[in-house]
Amino acid sequence: MTLNWKIGGLALGFVFFLAVLLVKPIGVSTQFVIFDGILWNAVDSSVVTQADDGSYTSTNAYLAKSGGKYAKNIANPLNYSFIFALAMVIGGAASAYLRGGIGTDERNMPAIWRANFGDSVIKRYAVAFAAGFVVLYGARLAGGCTSGHMMSGMMQTALSGYIFTAGAFAAAIPTAIILFRKEA
């Protein structure tokens, strides 16, 4: 089943609108920090501590910032944002499975990729993983990800959302032109 990208875009916009309207703006990159903190705290239980008044803090300054908000989310990870991030991973895996899994057909390895980089599935997914890592690293440096800045930010007409989006496209378009010089 092939979904028209316009219908998919409208559906994504509608879901984002509902999330902002009913719950809160969507942002995902912070949840990777929370996940790292959960793993770290499992190895070293002194990373996150709870005070007598019920507040949380951390021996790590980054996790202790915002009044211990990150530390609290590490101690109690079953919250909307963390479950949303987990659901994205599960949804992506379900989508890949329903589309026929990992393979070398056009959906998993477009012709333009093959023309520029070859037929290696391992190479395709390694590059995708590395690119995702770079984007996530940049998102944390920027204090938020494309979901928070671009999607939710622009939906709320935040100037920072528009500036971030312009910067993202200003970097993405030349990068795509350089990486995908050969046409399919």
C-alpha atoms as a PDB file:
ATOM      1  CA  MET A   1       0.000   0.000   0.000  1.00  0.00           C
ATOM      2  CA  THR A   2       1.454   3.341  -1.057  1.00  0.00           C
ATOM      3  CA  LEU A   3       0.348   6.425   0.837  1.00  0.00           C
ATOM      4  CA  ASN A   4       0.427   9.700  -1.060  1.00  0.00           C
ATOM      5  CA  TRP A   5       2.961  12.029   0.576  1.00  0.00           C
ATOM      6  CA  LYS A   6       0.398  14.860   0.612  1.00  0.00           C
ATOM      7  CA  ILE A   7      -2.080  12.771   2.604  1.00  0.00           C
ATOM      8  CA  GLY A   8       0.743  11.691   4.931  1.00  0.00           C
ATOM      9  CA  GLY A   9       1.792  15.315   5.429  1.00  0.00           C
ATOM     10  CA  LEU A  10      -1.742  16.399   6.236  1.00  0.00           C
ATOM     11  CA  ALA A  11      -2.150  13.479   8.644  1.00  0.00           C
ATOM     12  CA  LEU A  12       1.129  14.367  10.381  1.00  0.00           C
ATOM     13  CA  GLY A  13       0.083  18.011  10.661  1.00  0.00           C
ATOM     14  CA  PHE A  14      -3.295  16.993  12.109  1.00  0.00           C
ATOM     15  CA  VAL A  15      -1.674  14.705  14.699  1.00  0.00           C
ATOM     16  CA  PHE A  16       0.776  17.452  15.706  1.00  0.00           C
ATOM     17  CA  PHE A  17      -2.109  19.925  15.999  1.00  0.00           C
ATOM     18  CA  LEU A  18      -4.045  17.528  18.244  1.00  0.00           C
ATOM     19  CA  ALA A  19      -0.980  16.876  20.391  1.00  0.00           C
ATOM     20  CA  VAL A  20      -0.303  20.595  20.891  1.00  0.00           C
ATOM     21  CA  LEU A  21      -3.986  21.326  21.484  1.00  0.00           C
ATOM     22  CA  LEU A  22      -4.733  18.442  23.858  1.00  0.00           C
ATOM     23  CA  VAL A  23      -1.458  17.658  25.621  1.00  0.00           C
ATOM     24  CA  LYS A  24       1.619  19.787  24.934  1.00  0.00           C
ATOM     25  CA  PRO A  25       4.055  20.657  22.144  1.00  0.00           C
ATOM     26  CA  ILE A  26       5.950  17.670  20.821  1.00  0.00           C
ATOM     27  CA  GLY A  27       9.676  17.426  21.324  1.00  0.00           C
ATOM     28  CA  VAL A  28      11.646  14.216  21.195  1.00  0.00           C
ATOM     29  CA  SER A  29      15.397  14.776  21.527  1.00  0.00           C
ATOM     30  CA  THR A  30      15.191  15.398  25.286  1.00  0.00           C
ATOM     31  CA  GLN A  31      13.890  11.860  25.714  1.00  0.00           C
ATOM     32  CA  PHE A  32      17.214  10.465  24.482  1.00  0.00           C
ATOM     33  CA  VAL A  33      18.881  12.385  27.316  1.00  0.00           C
ATOM     34  CA  ILE A  34      16.312  10.887  29.694  1.00  0.00           C
ATOM     35  CA  PHE A  35      16.993   7.389  28.310  1.00  0.00           C
ATOM     36  CA  ASP A  36      20.759   7.889  28.760  1.00  0.00           C
ATOM     37  CA  GLY A  37      20.088   9.056  32.310  1.00  0.00           C
ATOM     38  CA  ILE A  38      17.956   5.971  33.025  1.00  0.00           C
ATOM     39  CA  LEU A  39      20.806   3.710  31.875  1.00  0.00           C
ATOM     40  CA  TRP A  40      23.386   5.739  33.809  1.00  0.00           C
ATOM     41  CA  ASN A  41      21.244   5.724  36.960  1.00  0.00           C
ATOM     42  CA  ALA A  42      20.794   1.938  36.651  1.00  0.00           C
ATOM     43  CA  VAL A  43      24.585   1.548  36.759  1.00  0.00           C
ATOM     44  CA  ASP A  44      25.200   4.267  39.363  1.00  0.00           C
ATOM     45  CA  SER A  45      22.196   4.898  41.610  1.00  0.00           C
ATOM     46  CA  SER A  46      23.741   8.116  42.992  1.00  0.00           C
ATOM     47  CA  VAL A  47      23.181   9.975  39.700  1.00  0.00           C
ATOM     48  CA  VAL A  48      19.575  10.897  40.567  1.00  0.00           C
ATOM     49  CA  THR A  49      18.485  11.523  44.144  1.00  0.00           C
ATOM     50  CA  GLN A  50      15.237  12.547  45.749  1.00  0.00           C
ATOM     51  CA  ALA A  51      15.175  15.150  48.516  1.00  0.00           C
ATOM     52  CA  ASP A  52      12.984  14.966  51.609  1.00  0.00           C
ATOM     53  CA  ASP A  53      10.537  17.439  50.062  1.00  0.00           C
ATOM     54  CA  GLY A  54       9.984  15.084  47.092  1.00  0.00           C
ATOM     55  CA  SER A  55      12.013  17.073  44.563  1.00  0.00           C
ATOM     56  CA  TYR A  56      14.665  15.418  42.414  1.00  0.00           C
ATOM     57  CA  THR A  57      18.200  16.432  41.585  1.00  0.00           C
ATOM     58  CA  SER A  58      21.291  14.947  40.028  1.00  0.00           C
ATOM     59  CA  THR A  59      25.030  14.951  40.561  1.00  0.00           C
ATOM     60  CA  ASN A  60      25.189  15.865  36.851  1.00  0.00           C
ATOM     61  CA  ALA A  61      24.554  19.591  36.298  1.00  0.00           C
ATOM     62  CA  TYR A  62      22.753  19.025  32.983  1.00  0.00           C
ATOM     63  CA  LEU A  63      20.322  16.527  34.514  1.00  0.00           C
ATOM     64  CA  ALA A  64      19.786  18.764  37.560  1.00  0.00           C
ATOM     65  CA  LYS A  65      18.860  21.859  35.520  1.00  0.00           C
ATOM     66  CA  SER A  66      15.318  23.210  35.218  1.00  0.00           C
ATOM     67  CA  GLY A  67      14.642  22.550  38.865  1.00  0.00           C
ATOM     68  CA  GLY A  68      15.496  18.865  38.546  1.00  0.00           C
ATOM     69  CA  LYS A  69      12.958  18.264  35.756  1.00  0.00           C
ATOM     70  CA  TYR A  70      15.268  15.890  33.871  1.00  0.00           C
ATOM     71  CA  ALA A  71      16.240  14.086  37.082  1.00  0.00           C
ATOM     72  CA  LYS A  72      12.559  13.618  37.928  1.00  0.00           C
ATOM     73  CA  ASN A  73      11.855  12.204  34.468  1.00  0.00           C
ATOM     74  CA  ILE A  74      14.776   9.784  34.868  1.00  0.00           C
ATOM     75  CA  ALA A  75      13.433   8.592  38.212  1.00  0.00           C
ATOM     76  CA  ASN A  76       9.875   8.336  36.815  1.00  0.00           C
ATOM     77  CA  PRO A  77      10.200   7.719  33.064  1.00  0.00           C
ATOM     78  CA  LEU A  78       6.627   6.602  32.390  1.00  0.00           C
ATOM     79  CA  ASN A  79       5.405   9.989  31.239  1.00  0.00           C
ATOM     80  CA  TYR A  80       3.792  11.253  28.037  1.00  0.00           C
ATOM     81  CA  SER A  81       7.007  12.378  26.345  1.00  0.00           C
ATOM     82  CA  PHE A  82       8.997   9.201  27.019  1.00  0.00           C
ATOM     83  CA  ILE A  83       6.149   6.914  25.977  1.00  0.00           C
ATOM     84  CA  PHE A  84       5.684   9.046  22.841  1.00  0.00           C
ATOM     85  CA  ALA A  85       9.361   8.532  21.917  1.00  0.00           C
ATOM     86  CA  LEU A  86       9.088   4.776  22.539  1.00  0.00           C
ATOM     87  CA  ALA A  87       5.922   4.657  20.427  1.00  0.00           C
ATOM     88  CA  MET A  88       7.819   6.335  17.566  1.00  0.00           C
ATOM     89  CA  VAL A  89      10.438   3.578  17.623  1.00  0.00           C
ATOM     90  CA  ILE A  90       7.807   0.842  17.827  1.00  0.00           C
ATOM     91  CA  GLY A  91       5.734   2.517  15.099  1.00  0.00           C
ATOM     92  CA  GLY A  92       8.769   2.784  12.821  1.00  0.00           C
ATOM     93  CA  ALA A  93       9.570  -0.906  13.345  1.00  0.00           C
ATOM     94  CA  ALA A  94       5.938  -1.868  12.697  1.00  0.00           C
ATOM     95  CA  SER A  95       5.894   0.245   9.537  1.00  0.00           C
ATOM     96  CA  ALA A  96       9.083  -1.392   8.241  1.00  0.00           C
ATOM     97  CA  TYR A  97       7.668  -4.840   8.979  1.00  0.00           C
ATOM     98  CA  LEU A  98       4.340  -4.092   7.287  1.00  0.00           C
ATOM     99  CA  ARG A  99       6.155  -2.743   4.220  1.00  0.00           C
ATOM    100  CA  GLY A 100       8.040  -6.003   3.840  1.00  0.00           C
ATOM    101  CA  GLY A 101      10.980  -5.509   6.171  1.00  0.00           C
ATOM    102  CA  ILE A 102      14.500  -4.471   5.342  1.00  0.00           C
ATOM    103  CA  GLY A 103      15.384  -5.076   1.745  1.00  0.00           C
ATOM    104  CA  THR A 104      16.794  -3.655  -1.431  1.00  0.00           C
ATOM    105  CA  ASP A 105      13.553  -2.693  -3.153  1.00  0.00           C
ATOM    106  CA  GLU A 106      12.776   0.905  -4.122  1.00  0.00           C
ATOM    107  CA  ARG A 107      11.071   1.721  -0.794  1.00  0.00           C
ATOM    108  CA  ASN A 108      14.105   0.770   1.277  1.00  0.00           C
ATOM    109  CA  MET A 109      16.841   1.754  -1.139  1.00  0.00           C
ATOM    110  CA  PRO A 110      15.832   4.425  -3.651  1.00  0.00           C
ATOM    111  CA  ALA A 111      17.461   4.438  -7.062  1.00  0.00           C
ATOM    112  CA  ILE A 112      19.215   7.738  -6.326  1.00  0.00           C
ATOM    113  CA  TRP A 113      20.906   6.114  -3.311  1.00  0.00           C
ATOM    114  CA  ARG A 114      22.035   3.162  -5.447  1.00  0.00           C
ATOM    115  CA  ALA A 115      23.386   5.496  -8.135  1.00  0.00           C
ATOM    116  CA  ASN A 116      25.504   7.385  -5.612  1.00  0.00           C
ATOM    117  CA  PHE A 117      26.447   4.788  -3.004  1.00  0.00           C
ATOM    118  CA  GLY A 118      25.760   1.278  -4.322  1.00  0.00           C
ATOM    119  CA  ASP A 119      23.510  -1.604  -3.250  1.00  0.00           C
ATOM    120  CA  SER A 120      24.821  -2.355   0.242  1.00  0.00           C
ATOM    121  CA  VAL A 121      21.965  -2.539   2.758  1.00  0.00           C
ATOM    122  CA  ILE A 122      24.452  -2.415   5.629  1.00  0.00           C
ATOM    123  CA  LYS A 123      26.003   0.772   4.232  1.00  0.00           C
ATOM    124  CA  ARG A 124      22.547   2.355   3.790  1.00  0.00           C
ATOM    125  CA  TYR A 125      21.493   1.698   7.363  1.00  0.00           C
ATOM    126  CA  ALA A 126      24.918   2.570   8.819  1.00  0.00           C
ATOM    127  CA  VAL A 127      24.799   5.950   7.077  1.00  0.00           C
ATOM    128  CA  ALA A 128      21.210   6.490   8.257  1.00  0.00           C
ATOM    129  CA  PHE A 129      22.240   5.666  11.837  1.00  0.00           C
ATOM    130  CA  ALA A 130      25.291   7.956  11.692  1.00  0.00           C
ATOM    131  CA  ALA A 131      23.216  10.777  10.196  1.00  0.00           C
ATOM    132  CA  GLY A 132      20.612  10.325  12.910  1.00  0.00           C
ATOM    133  CA  PHE A 133      23.331  10.516  15.545  1.00  0.00           C
ATOM    134  CA  VAL A 134      24.687  13.765  14.069  1.00  0.00           C
ATOM    135  CA  VAL A 135      21.186  15.261  13.908  1.00  0.00           C
ATOM    136  CA  LEU A 136      20.453  14.230  17.506  1.00  0.00           C
ATOM    137  CA  TYR A 137      23.763  15.692  18.690  1.00  0.00           C
ATOM    138  CA  GLY A 138      22.966  18.937  16.886  1.00  0.00           C
ATOM    139  CA  ALA A 139      19.459  18.951  18.314  1.00  0.00           C
ATOM    140  CA  ARG A 140      20.792  18.807  21.856  1.00  0.00           C
ATOM    141  CA  LEU A 141      23.242  21.620  21.067  1.00  0.00           C
ATOM    142  CA  ALA A 142      20.324  23.677  19.729  1.00  0.00           C
ATOM    143  CA  GLY A 143      18.210  22.923  22.799  1.00  0.00           C
ATOM    144  CA  GLY A 144      15.602  21.002  20.836  1.00  0.00           C
ATOM    145  CA  CYS A 145      14.914  18.892  17.803  1.00  0.00           C
ATOM    146  CA  THR A 146      13.066  19.321  14.539  1.00  0.00           C
ATOM    147  CA  SER A 147       9.882  18.123  16.233  1.00  0.00           C
ATOM    148  CA  GLY A 148      10.092  20.779  18.904  1.00  0.00           C
ATOM    149  CA  HIS A 149      11.557  23.677  16.950  1.00  0.00           C
ATOM    150  CA  MET A 150      10.239  23.085  13.457  1.00  0.00           C
ATOM    151  CA  MET A 151       6.920  21.305  13.802  1.00  0.00           C
ATOM    152  CA  SER A 152       5.627  22.458  17.177  1.00  0.00           C
ATOM    153  CA  GLY A 153       7.453  25.794  17.068  1.00  0.00           C
ATOM    154  CA  MET A 154       6.086  26.853  13.693  1.00  0.00           C
ATOM    155  CA  MET A 155       2.615  25.602  14.637  1.00  0.00           C
ATOM    156  CA  GLN A 156       2.729  27.976  17.599  1.00  0.00           C
ATOM    157  CA  THR A 157       4.103  30.742  15.343  1.00  0.00           C
ATOM    158  CA  ALA A 158       7.301  30.986  17.402  1.00  0.00           C
ATOM    159  CA  LEU A 159       9.959  33.084  15.670  1.00  0.00           C
ATOM    160  CA  SER A 160      12.616  30.580  16.819  1.00  0.00           C
ATOM    161  CA  GLY A 161      10.737  27.826  14.959  1.00  0.00           C
ATOM    162  CA  TYR A 162      10.874  29.759  11.694  1.00  0.00           C
ATOM    163  CA  ILE A 163      14.558  30.630  12.164  1.00  0.00           C
ATOM    164  CA  PHE A 164      15.409  27.003  12.971  1.00  0.00           C
ATOM    165  CA  THR A 165      13.475  25.778   9.920  1.00  0.00           C
ATOM    166  CA  ALA A 166      15.264  28.220   7.621  1.00  0.00           C
ATOM    167  CA  GLY A 167      18.606  27.084   9.047  1.00  0.00           C
ATOM    168  CA  ALA A 168      17.711  23.409   8.699  1.00  0.00           C
ATOM    169  CA  PHE A 169      16.785  23.808   5.039  1.00  0.00           C
ATOM    170  CA  ALA A 170      19.800  26.054   4.393  1.00  0.00           C
ATOM    171  CA  ALA A 171      22.004  23.173   5.562  1.00  0.00           C
ATOM    172  CA  ALA A 172      19.956  20.245   4.197  1.00  0.00           C
ATOM    173  CA  ILE A 173      19.552  21.392   0.596  1.00  0.00           C
ATOM    174  CA  PRO A 174      23.268  21.925  -0.171  1.00  0.00           C
ATOM    175  CA  THR A 175      24.105  18.700   1.689  1.00  0.00           C
ATOM    176  CA  ALA A 176      21.643  16.732  -0.461  1.00  0.00           C
ATOM    177  CA  ILE A 177      22.972  18.361  -3.641  1.00  0.00           C
ATOM    178  CA  ILE A 178      26.552  17.422  -2.709  1.00  0.00           C
ATOM    179  CA  LEU A 179      25.759  13.858  -1.566  1.00  0.00           C
ATOM    180  CA  PHE A 180      23.402  12.948  -4.389  1.00  0.00           C
ATOM    181  CA  ARG A 181      25.212  14.338  -7.444  1.00  0.00           C
ATOM    182  CA  LYS A 182      24.429  11.371  -9.663  1.00  0.00           C
ATOM    183  CA  GLU A 183      20.827  11.176 -10.792  1.00  0.00           C
ATOM    184  CA  ALA A 184      18.965   7.887 -10.705  1.00  0.00           C
END
